[in-house]
Amino acid sequence: MSSLHTGVTFYEEDRAHGPFTIRIGGTSEFVSRIDPDCQRSSPPGQVYLCEGWSNPNALVFETMDAALSAADKVWNIEGFHTSIEKSL
């Protein structure tokens, strides 16, 4: 686990075992869309969620780095604690 990504839990040993999804900490909700430019929110940006471990609407990231970058956006927009999960 690394502290370089505030609010994000992940395991470095999972890095080679993608693809990955982003789960909202302590729930069965997953990120389905990130709109960093949504002006209807203050600060701008909106994160959309879907329910369920095998929900086809959940965003899937091929690499750990892509998942971490997206999880950082979720933190910056909503302040949600997240975890990077190996996709089922």
PDB file of N, CA and C in Angstrom:
ATOM      1  N   MET A   1       0.853  -1.174   0.000  1.00  0.00           N
ATOM      2  CA  MET A   1       0.000   0.000   0.000  1.00  0.00           C
ATOM      3  C   MET A   1       0.900   1.239   0.000  1.00  0.00           C
ATOM      4  N   SER A   2       0.436   2.286  -0.646  1.00  0.00           N
ATOM      5  CA  SER A   2       1.270   3.482  -0.761  1.00  0.00           C
ATOM      6  C   SER A   2       0.508   4.712  -0.295  1.00  0.00           C
ATOM      7  N   SER A   3       1.229   5.673   0.268  1.00  0.00           N
ATOM      8  CA  SER A   3       0.599   6.910   0.712  1.00  0.00           C
ATOM      9  C   SER A   3       0.719   8.016  -0.339  1.00  0.00           C
ATOM     10  N   LEU A   4       1.240   7.716  -1.519  1.00  0.00           N
ATOM     11  CA  LEU A   4       1.348   8.718  -2.572  1.00  0.00           C
ATOM     12  C   LEU A   4      -0.010   9.069  -3.164  1.00  0.00           C
ATOM     13  N   HIS A   5      -0.994   8.219  -2.939  1.00  0.00           N
ATOM     14  CA  HIS A   5      -2.338   8.403  -3.481  1.00  0.00           C
ATOM     15  C   HIS A   5      -3.316   8.537  -2.310  1.00  0.00           C
ATOM     16  N   THR A   6      -3.585   9.764  -1.910  1.00  0.00           N
ATOM     17  CA  THR A   6      -4.432  10.040  -0.755  1.00  0.00           C
ATOM     18  C   THR A   6      -5.817   9.427  -0.938  1.00  0.00           C
ATOM     19  N   GLY A   7      -6.265   8.702   0.076  1.00  0.00           N
ATOM     20  CA  GLY A   7      -7.600   8.129   0.061  1.00  0.00           C
ATOM     21  C   GLY A   7      -7.744   6.863  -0.755  1.00  0.00           C
ATOM     22  N   VAL A   8      -6.641   6.364  -1.333  1.00  0.00           N
ATOM     23  CA  VAL A   8      -6.701   5.196  -2.213  1.00  0.00           C
ATOM     24  C   VAL A   8      -5.952   4.031  -1.571  1.00  0.00           C
ATOM     25  N   THR A   9      -6.630   2.898  -1.474  1.00  0.00           N
ATOM     26  CA  THR A   9      -6.001   1.677  -0.986  1.00  0.00           C
ATOM     27  C   THR A   9      -5.729   0.765  -2.174  1.00  0.00           C
ATOM     28  N   PHE A  10      -4.526   0.264  -2.261  1.00  0.00           N
ATOM     29  CA  PHE A  10      -4.169  -0.698  -3.300  1.00  0.00           C
ATOM     30  C   PHE A  10      -2.957  -1.479  -2.822  1.00  0.00           C
ATOM     31  N   TYR A  11      -2.721  -2.603  -3.479  1.00  0.00           N
ATOM     32  CA  TYR A  11      -1.599  -3.444  -3.115  1.00  0.00           C
ATOM     33  C   TYR A  11      -0.655  -3.551  -4.300  1.00  0.00           C
ATOM     34  N   GLU A  12       0.567  -3.150  -4.080  1.00  0.00           N
ATOM     35  CA  GLU A  12       1.575  -3.138  -5.139  1.00  0.00           C
ATOM     36  C   GLU A  12       1.720  -4.521  -5.771  1.00  0.00           C
ATOM     37  N   GLU A  13       1.561  -5.583  -4.997  1.00  0.00           N
ATOM     38  CA  GLU A  13       1.710  -6.934  -5.539  1.00  0.00           C
ATOM     39  C   GLU A  13       0.598  -7.302  -6.524  1.00  0.00           C
ATOM     40  N   ASP A  14      -0.488  -6.530  -6.564  1.00  0.00           N
ATOM     41  CA  ASP A  14      -1.562  -6.757  -7.538  1.00  0.00           C
ATOM     42  C   ASP A  14      -1.256  -6.135  -8.902  1.00  0.00           C
ATOM     43  N   ARG A  15      -0.237  -5.315  -8.984  1.00  0.00           N
ATOM     44  CA  ARG A  15       0.050  -4.520 -10.185  1.00  0.00           C
ATOM     45  C   ARG A  15       0.040  -5.348 -11.476  1.00  0.00           C
ATOM     46  N   ALA A  16       0.554  -6.547 -11.462  1.00  0.00           N
ATOM     47  CA  ALA A  16       0.634  -7.384 -12.666  1.00  0.00           C
ATOM     48  C   ALA A  16      -0.602  -8.254 -12.870  1.00  0.00           C
ATOM     49  N   HIS A  17      -1.630  -8.047 -12.053  1.00  0.00           N
ATOM     50  CA  HIS A  17      -2.791  -8.940 -12.093  1.00  0.00           C
ATOM     51  C   HIS A  17      -4.079  -8.227 -12.474  1.00  0.00           C
ATOM     52  N   GLY A  18      -4.002  -7.274 -13.408  1.00  0.00           N
ATOM     53  CA  GLY A  18      -5.188  -6.530 -13.838  1.00  0.00           C
ATOM     54  C   GLY A  18      -6.079  -7.380 -14.708  1.00  0.00           C
ATOM     55  N   PRO A  19      -7.135  -6.827 -15.193  1.00  0.00           N
ATOM     56  CA  PRO A  19      -7.551  -5.434 -15.117  1.00  0.00           C
ATOM     57  C   PRO A  19      -8.120  -5.081 -13.746  1.00  0.00           C
ATOM     58  N   PHE A  20      -8.413  -3.778 -13.553  1.00  0.00           N
ATOM     59  CA  PHE A  20      -8.802  -3.277 -12.243  1.00  0.00           C
ATOM     60  C   PHE A  20     -10.082  -2.444 -12.308  1.00  0.00           C
ATOM     61  N   THR A  21     -10.789  -2.393 -11.191  1.00  0.00           N
ATOM     62  CA  THR A  21     -11.927  -1.502 -11.008  1.00  0.00           C
ATOM     63  C   THR A  21     -11.670  -0.670  -9.764  1.00  0.00           C
ATOM     64  N   ILE A  22     -12.474   0.373  -9.583  1.00  0.00           N
ATOM     65  CA  ILE A  22     -12.342   1.239  -8.410  1.00  0.00           C
ATOM     66  C   ILE A  22     -13.609   1.094  -7.572  1.00  0.00           C
ATOM     67  N   ARG A  23     -13.431   0.609  -6.354  1.00  0.00           N
ATOM     68  CA  ARG A  23     -14.551   0.424  -5.435  1.00  0.00           C
ATOM     69  C   ARG A  23     -14.543   1.533  -4.390  1.00  0.00           C
ATOM     70  N   ILE A  24     -15.732   2.044  -4.089  1.00  0.00           N
ATOM     71  CA  ILE A  24     -15.861   3.018  -3.014  1.00  0.00           C
ATOM     72  C   ILE A  24     -15.663   2.266  -1.702  1.00  0.00           C
ATOM     73  N   GLY A  25     -14.760   2.752  -0.856  1.00  0.00           N
ATOM     74  CA  GLY A  25     -14.367   2.064   0.362  1.00  0.00           C
ATOM     75  C   GLY A  25     -15.534   1.607   1.225  1.00  0.00           C
ATOM     76  N   GLY A  26     -15.521   0.323   1.596  1.00  0.00           N
ATOM     77  CA  GLY A  26     -16.510  -0.231   2.516  1.00  0.00           C
ATOM     78  C   GLY A  26     -17.879  -0.472   1.909  1.00  0.00           C
ATOM     79  N   THR A  27     -18.013  -0.378   0.588  1.00  0.00           N
ATOM     80  CA  THR A  27     -19.305  -0.575  -0.063  1.00  0.00           C
ATOM     81  C   THR A  27     -19.163  -1.583  -1.196  1.00  0.00           C
ATOM     82  N   SER A  28     -20.272  -1.843  -1.865  1.00  0.00           N
ATOM     83  CA  SER A  28     -20.240  -2.646  -3.094  1.00  0.00           C
ATOM     84  C   SER A  28     -20.547  -1.755  -4.293  1.00  0.00           C
ATOM     85  N   GLU A  29     -20.175  -0.466  -4.177  1.00  0.00           N
ATOM     86  CA  GLU A  29     -20.363   0.491  -5.259  1.00  0.00           C
ATOM     87  C   GLU A  29     -19.038   0.715  -5.980  1.00  0.00           C
ATOM     88  N   PHE A  30     -19.128   0.786  -7.302  1.00  0.00           N
ATOM     89  CA  PHE A  30     -17.948   0.944  -8.140  1.00  0.00           C
ATOM     90  C   PHE A  30     -18.103   2.177  -9.021  1.00  0.00           C
ATOM     91  N   VAL A  31     -16.982   2.764  -9.387  1.00  0.00           N
ATOM     92  CA  VAL A  31     -16.995   3.938 -10.250  1.00  0.00           C
ATOM     93  C   VAL A  31     -17.402   3.502 -11.658  1.00  0.00           C
ATOM     94  N   SER A  32     -18.422   4.187 -12.211  1.00  0.00           N
ATOM     95  CA  SER A  32     -18.872   3.870 -13.559  1.00  0.00           C
ATOM     96  C   SER A  32     -18.548   4.987 -14.552  1.00  0.00           C
ATOM     97  N   ARG A  33     -18.300   6.179 -14.049  1.00  0.00           N
ATOM     98  CA  ARG A  33     -17.962   7.303 -14.931  1.00  0.00           C
ATOM     99  C   ARG A  33     -17.359   8.423 -14.093  1.00  0.00           C
ATOM    100  N   ILE A  34     -16.393   9.113 -14.657  1.00  0.00           N
ATOM    101  CA  ILE A  34     -15.794  10.284 -14.025  1.00  0.00           C
ATOM    102  C   ILE A  34     -15.904  11.433 -15.015  1.00  0.00           C
ATOM    103  N   ASP A  35     -16.563  12.499 -14.599  1.00  0.00           N
ATOM    104  CA  ASP A  35     -16.690  13.692 -15.435  1.00  0.00           C
ATOM    105  C   ASP A  35     -15.990  14.837 -14.701  1.00  0.00           C
ATOM    106  N   PRO A  36     -14.700  15.051 -14.970  1.00  0.00           N
ATOM    107  CA  PRO A  36     -13.951  16.076 -14.234  1.00  0.00           C
ATOM    108  C   PRO A  36     -14.363  17.497 -14.592  1.00  0.00           C
ATOM    109  N   ASP A  37     -15.124  17.666 -15.678  1.00  0.00           N
ATOM    110  CA  ASP A  37     -15.482  19.007 -16.147  1.00  0.00           C
ATOM    111  C   ASP A  37     -16.925  19.405 -15.845  1.00  0.00           C
ATOM    112  N   CYS A  38     -17.656  18.578 -15.128  1.00  0.00           N
ATOM    113  CA  CYS A  38     -19.056  18.889 -14.825  1.00  0.00           C
ATOM    114  C   CYS A  38     -19.125  20.199 -14.039  1.00  0.00           C
ATOM    115  N   GLN A  39     -19.783  21.187 -14.613  1.00  0.00           N
ATOM    116  CA  GLN A  39     -19.856  22.518 -13.987  1.00  0.00           C
ATOM    117  C   GLN A  39     -21.039  22.649 -13.025  1.00  0.00           C
ATOM    118  N   ARG A  40     -21.906  21.640 -12.961  1.00  0.00           N
ATOM    119  CA  ARG A  40     -23.063  21.701 -12.060  1.00  0.00           C
ATOM    120  C   ARG A  40     -22.685  21.444 -10.614  1.00  0.00           C
ATOM    121  N   SER A  41     -21.473  21.023 -10.394  1.00  0.00           N
ATOM    122  CA  SER A  41     -21.002  20.710  -9.051  1.00  0.00           C
ATOM    123  C   SER A  41     -20.015  21.771  -8.601  1.00  0.00           C
ATOM    124  N   SER A  42     -19.869  21.866  -7.296  1.00  0.00           N
ATOM    125  CA  SER A  42     -18.904  22.804  -6.764  1.00  0.00           C
ATOM    126  C   SER A  42     -18.072  22.092  -5.698  1.00  0.00           C
ATOM    127  N   PRO A  43     -16.799  21.877  -5.893  1.00  0.00           N
ATOM    128  CA  PRO A  43     -16.005  22.234  -7.059  1.00  0.00           C
ATOM    129  C   PRO A  43     -16.439  21.421  -8.280  1.00  0.00           C
ATOM    130  N   PRO A  44     -16.046  21.844  -9.483  1.00  0.00           N
ATOM    131  CA  PRO A  44     -16.451  21.141 -10.698  1.00  0.00           C
ATOM    132  C   PRO A  44     -16.017  19.680 -10.688  1.00  0.00           C
ATOM    133  N   GLY A  45     -16.843  18.852 -11.294  1.00  0.00           N
ATOM    134  CA  GLY A  45     -16.546  17.428 -11.418  1.00  0.00           C
ATOM    135  C   GLY A  45     -17.636  16.600 -10.786  1.00  0.00           C
ATOM    136  N   GLN A  46     -17.842  15.406 -11.340  1.00  0.00           N
ATOM    137  CA  GLN A  46     -18.833  14.489 -10.791  1.00  0.00           C
ATOM    138  C   GLN A  46     -18.378  13.062 -11.034  1.00  0.00           C
ATOM    139  N   VAL A  47     -18.656  12.209 -10.042  1.00  0.00           N
ATOM    140  CA  VAL A  47     -18.334  10.795 -10.135  1.00  0.00           C
ATOM    141  C   VAL A  47     -19.650  10.027 -10.096  1.00  0.00           C
ATOM    142  N   TYR A  48     -19.821   9.117 -11.045  1.00  0.00           N
ATOM    143  CA  TYR A  48     -21.024   8.279 -11.112  1.00  0.00           C
ATOM    144  C   TYR A  48     -20.669   6.886 -10.615  1.00  0.00           C
ATOM    145  N   LEU A  49     -21.616   6.252  -9.934  1.00  0.00           N
ATOM    146  CA  LEU A  49     -21.382   4.950  -9.324  1.00  0.00           C
ATOM    147  C   LEU A  49     -22.396   3.927  -9.824  1.00  0.00           C
ATOM    148  N   CYS A  50     -22.019   2.659  -9.722  1.00  0.00           N
ATOM    149  CA  CYS A  50     -22.933   1.557  -9.997  1.00  0.00           C
ATOM    150  C   CYS A  50     -22.774   0.537  -8.877  1.00  0.00           C
ATOM    151  N   GLU A  51     -23.788  -0.265  -8.670  1.00  0.00           N
ATOM    152  CA  GLU A  51     -23.835  -1.223  -7.566  1.00  0.00           C
ATOM    153  C   GLU A  51     -23.488  -2.619  -8.071  1.00  0.00           C
ATOM    154  N   GLY A  52     -22.661  -3.336  -7.325  1.00  0.00           N
ATOM    155  CA  GLY A  52     -22.422  -4.744  -7.605  1.00  0.00           C
ATOM    156  C   GLY A  52     -21.038  -5.075  -8.128  1.00  0.00           C
ATOM    157  N   TRP A  53     -20.517  -6.192  -7.646  1.00  0.00           N
ATOM    158  CA  TRP A  53     -19.158  -6.623  -7.960  1.00  0.00           C
ATOM    159  C   TRP A  53     -18.972  -6.955  -9.428  1.00  0.00           C
ATOM    160  N   SER A  54     -19.992  -7.443 -10.098  1.00  0.00           N
ATOM    161  CA  SER A  54     -19.819  -7.808 -11.509  1.00  0.00           C
ATOM    162  C   SER A  54     -20.704  -6.955 -12.417  1.00  0.00           C
ATOM    163  N   ASN A  55     -20.944  -5.722 -12.010  1.00  0.00           N
ATOM    164  CA  ASN A  55     -21.769  -4.815 -12.791  1.00  0.00           C
ATOM    165  C   ASN A  55     -21.000  -4.421 -14.063  1.00  0.00           C
ATOM    166  N   PRO A  56     -21.601  -4.653 -15.240  1.00  0.00           N
ATOM    167  CA  PRO A  56     -20.894  -4.331 -16.479  1.00  0.00           C
ATOM    168  C   PRO A  56     -20.698  -2.830 -16.704  1.00  0.00           C
ATOM    169  N   ASN A  57     -21.361  -1.998 -15.918  1.00  0.00           N
ATOM    170  CA  ASN A  57     -21.204  -0.548 -16.055  1.00  0.00           C
ATOM    171  C   ASN A  57     -19.974  -0.005 -15.335  1.00  0.00           C
ATOM    172  N   ALA A  58     -19.349  -0.808 -14.499  1.00  0.00           N
ATOM    173  CA  ALA A  58     -18.159  -0.358 -13.775  1.00  0.00           C
ATOM    174  C   ALA A  58     -17.016  -0.125 -14.755  1.00  0.00           C
ATOM    175  N   LEU A  59     -16.306   0.986 -14.560  1.00  0.00           N
ATOM    176  CA  LEU A  59     -15.127   1.254 -15.383  1.00  0.00           C
ATOM    177  C   LEU A  59     -14.071   0.187 -15.114  1.00  0.00           C
ATOM    178  N   VAL A  60     -13.400  -0.230 -16.164  1.00  0.00           N
ATOM    179  CA  VAL A  60     -12.327  -1.221 -16.060  1.00  0.00           C
ATOM    180  C   VAL A  60     -11.052  -0.582 -16.599  1.00  0.00           C
ATOM    181  N   PHE A  61      -9.984  -0.723 -15.839  1.00  0.00           N
ATOM    182  CA  PHE A  61      -8.690  -0.140 -16.194  1.00  0.00           C
ATOM    183  C   PHE A  61      -7.700  -1.265 -16.431  1.00  0.00           C
ATOM    184  N   GLU A  62      -7.025  -1.213 -17.569  1.00  0.00           N
ATOM    185  CA  GLU A  62      -6.096  -2.288 -17.932  1.00  0.00           C
ATOM    186  C   GLU A  62      -4.836  -2.292 -17.080  1.00  0.00           C
ATOM    187  N   THR A  63      -4.443  -1.130 -16.570  1.00  0.00           N
ATOM    188  CA  THR A  63      -3.210  -1.059 -15.779  1.00  0.00           C
ATOM    189  C   THR A  63      -3.486  -0.452 -14.397  1.00  0.00           C
ATOM    190  N   MET A  64      -2.630  -0.785 -13.479  1.00  0.00           N
ATOM    191  CA  MET A  64      -2.715  -0.218 -12.135  1.00  0.00           C
ATOM    192  C   MET A  64      -2.519   1.291 -12.193  1.00  0.00           C
ATOM    193  N   ASP A  65      -1.603   1.767 -13.029  1.00  0.00           N
ATOM    194  CA  ASP A  65      -1.355   3.202 -13.125  1.00  0.00           C
ATOM    195  C   ASP A  65      -2.591   3.963 -13.596  1.00  0.00           C
ATOM    196  N   ALA A  66      -3.310   3.414 -14.570  1.00  0.00           N
ATOM    197  CA  ALA A  66      -4.536   4.057 -15.049  1.00  0.00           C
ATOM    198  C   ALA A  66      -5.594   4.071 -13.945  1.00  0.00           C
ATOM    199  N   ALA A  67      -5.709   2.983 -13.202  1.00  0.00           N
ATOM    200  CA  ALA A  67      -6.677   2.917 -12.098  1.00  0.00           C
ATOM    201  C   ALA A  67      -6.311   3.905 -10.997  1.00  0.00           C
ATOM    202  N   LEU A  68      -5.047   4.032 -10.683  1.00  0.00           N
ATOM    203  CA  LEU A  68      -4.600   4.973  -9.653  1.00  0.00           C
ATOM    204  C   LEU A  68      -4.862   6.413 -10.071  1.00  0.00           C
ATOM    205  N   SER A  69      -4.617   6.725 -11.329  1.00  0.00           N
ATOM    206  CA  SER A  69      -4.882   8.069 -11.818  1.00  0.00           C
ATOM    207  C   SER A  69      -6.371   8.400 -11.697  1.00  0.00           C
ATOM    208  N   ALA A  70      -7.231   7.464 -12.067  1.00  0.00           N
ATOM    209  CA  ALA A  70      -8.673   7.675 -11.954  1.00  0.00           C
ATOM    210  C   ALA A  70      -9.107   7.777 -10.495  1.00  0.00           C
ATOM    211  N   ALA A  71      -8.545   6.940  -9.627  1.00  0.00           N
ATOM    212  CA  ALA A  71      -8.890   6.992  -8.204  1.00  0.00           C
ATOM    213  C   ALA A  71      -8.466   8.327  -7.593  1.00  0.00           C
ATOM    214  N   ASP A  72      -7.342   8.868  -8.038  1.00  0.00           N
ATOM    215  CA  ASP A  72      -6.914  10.192  -7.579  1.00  0.00           C
ATOM    216  C   ASP A  72      -7.939  11.251  -7.980  1.00  0.00           C
ATOM    217  N   LYS A  73      -8.508  11.140  -9.186  1.00  0.00           N
ATOM    218  CA  LYS A  73      -9.548  12.073  -9.626  1.00  0.00           C
ATOM    219  C   LYS A  73     -10.790  11.943  -8.754  1.00  0.00           C
ATOM    220  N   VAL A  74     -11.165  10.699  -8.430  1.00  0.00           N
ATOM    221  CA  VAL A  74     -12.327  10.481  -7.557  1.00  0.00           C
ATOM    222  C   VAL A  74     -12.099  11.179  -6.220  1.00  0.00           C
ATOM    223  N   TRP A  75     -10.915  11.037  -5.659  1.00  0.00           N
ATOM    224  CA  TRP A  75     -10.583  11.685  -4.387  1.00  0.00           C
ATOM    225  C   TRP A  75     -10.671  13.207  -4.513  1.00  0.00           C
ATOM    226  N   ASN A  76     -10.112  13.746  -5.582  1.00  0.00           N
ATOM    227  CA  ASN A  76     -10.095  15.198  -5.771  1.00  0.00           C
ATOM    228  C   ASN A  76     -11.492  15.769  -6.003  1.00  0.00           C
ATOM    229  N   ILE A  77     -12.353  15.010  -6.669  1.00  0.00           N
ATOM    230  CA  ILE A  77     -13.703  15.492  -6.965  1.00  0.00           C
ATOM    231  C   ILE A  77     -14.639  15.299  -5.779  1.00  0.00           C
ATOM    232  N   GLU A  78     -14.685  14.079  -5.230  1.00  0.00           N
ATOM    233  CA  GLU A  78     -15.689  13.736  -4.222  1.00  0.00           C
ATOM    234  C   GLU A  78     -15.140  13.520  -2.817  1.00  0.00           C
ATOM    235  N   GLY A  79     -13.844  13.242  -2.720  1.00  0.00           N
ATOM    236  CA  GLY A  79     -13.277  12.939  -1.411  1.00  0.00           C
ATOM    237  C   GLY A  79     -13.622  11.543  -0.927  1.00  0.00           C
ATOM    238  N   PHE A  80     -14.011  10.651  -1.858  1.00  0.00           N
ATOM    239  CA  PHE A  80     -14.349   9.267  -1.495  1.00  0.00           C
ATOM    240  C   PHE A  80     -13.075   8.462  -1.295  1.00  0.00           C
ATOM    241  N   HIS A  81     -13.044   7.701  -0.213  1.00  0.00           N
ATOM    242  CA  HIS A  81     -11.995   6.714  -0.038  1.00  0.00           C
ATOM    243  C   HIS A  81     -12.301   5.571  -0.991  1.00  0.00           C
ATOM    244  N   THR A  82     -11.286   5.096  -1.708  1.00  0.00           N
ATOM    245  CA  THR A  82     -11.501   4.055  -2.690  1.00  0.00           C
ATOM    246  C   THR A  82     -10.466   2.952  -2.523  1.00  0.00           C
ATOM    247  N   SER A  83     -10.758   1.820  -3.151  1.00  0.00           N
ATOM    248  CA  SER A  83      -9.761   0.769  -3.237  1.00  0.00           C
ATOM    249  C   SER A  83      -9.714   0.263  -4.665  1.00  0.00           C
ATOM    250  N   ILE A  84      -8.514  -0.049  -5.108  1.00  0.00           N
ATOM    251  CA  ILE A  84      -8.306  -0.614  -6.432  1.00  0.00           C
ATOM    252  C   ILE A  84      -8.476  -2.123  -6.279  1.00  0.00           C
ATOM    253  N   GLU A  85      -9.421  -2.671  -7.041  1.00  0.00           N
ATOM    254  CA  GLU A  85      -9.734  -4.100  -6.949  1.00  0.00           C
ATOM    255  C   GLU A  85      -9.403  -4.783  -8.261  1.00  0.00           C
ATOM    256  N   LYS A  86      -8.943  -6.016  -8.172  1.00  0.00           N
ATOM    257  CA  LYS A  86      -8.758  -6.820  -9.386  1.00  0.00           C
ATOM    258  C   LYS A  86     -10.156  -7.062  -9.943  1.00  0.00           C
ATOM    259  N   SER A  87     -10.321  -6.833 -11.225  1.00  0.00           N
ATOM    260  CA  SER A  87     -11.623  -7.010 -11.872  1.00  0.00           C
ATOM    261  C   SER A  87     -11.980  -8.479 -11.952  1.00  0.00           C
ATOM    262  N   LEU A  88     -13.246  -8.780 -11.701  1.00  0.00           N
ATOM    263  CA  LEU A  88     -13.694 -10.185 -11.753  1.00  0.00           C
ATOM    264  C   LEU A  88     -14.023 -10.590 -13.161  1.00  0.00           C
TER     265      LEU A  88
END
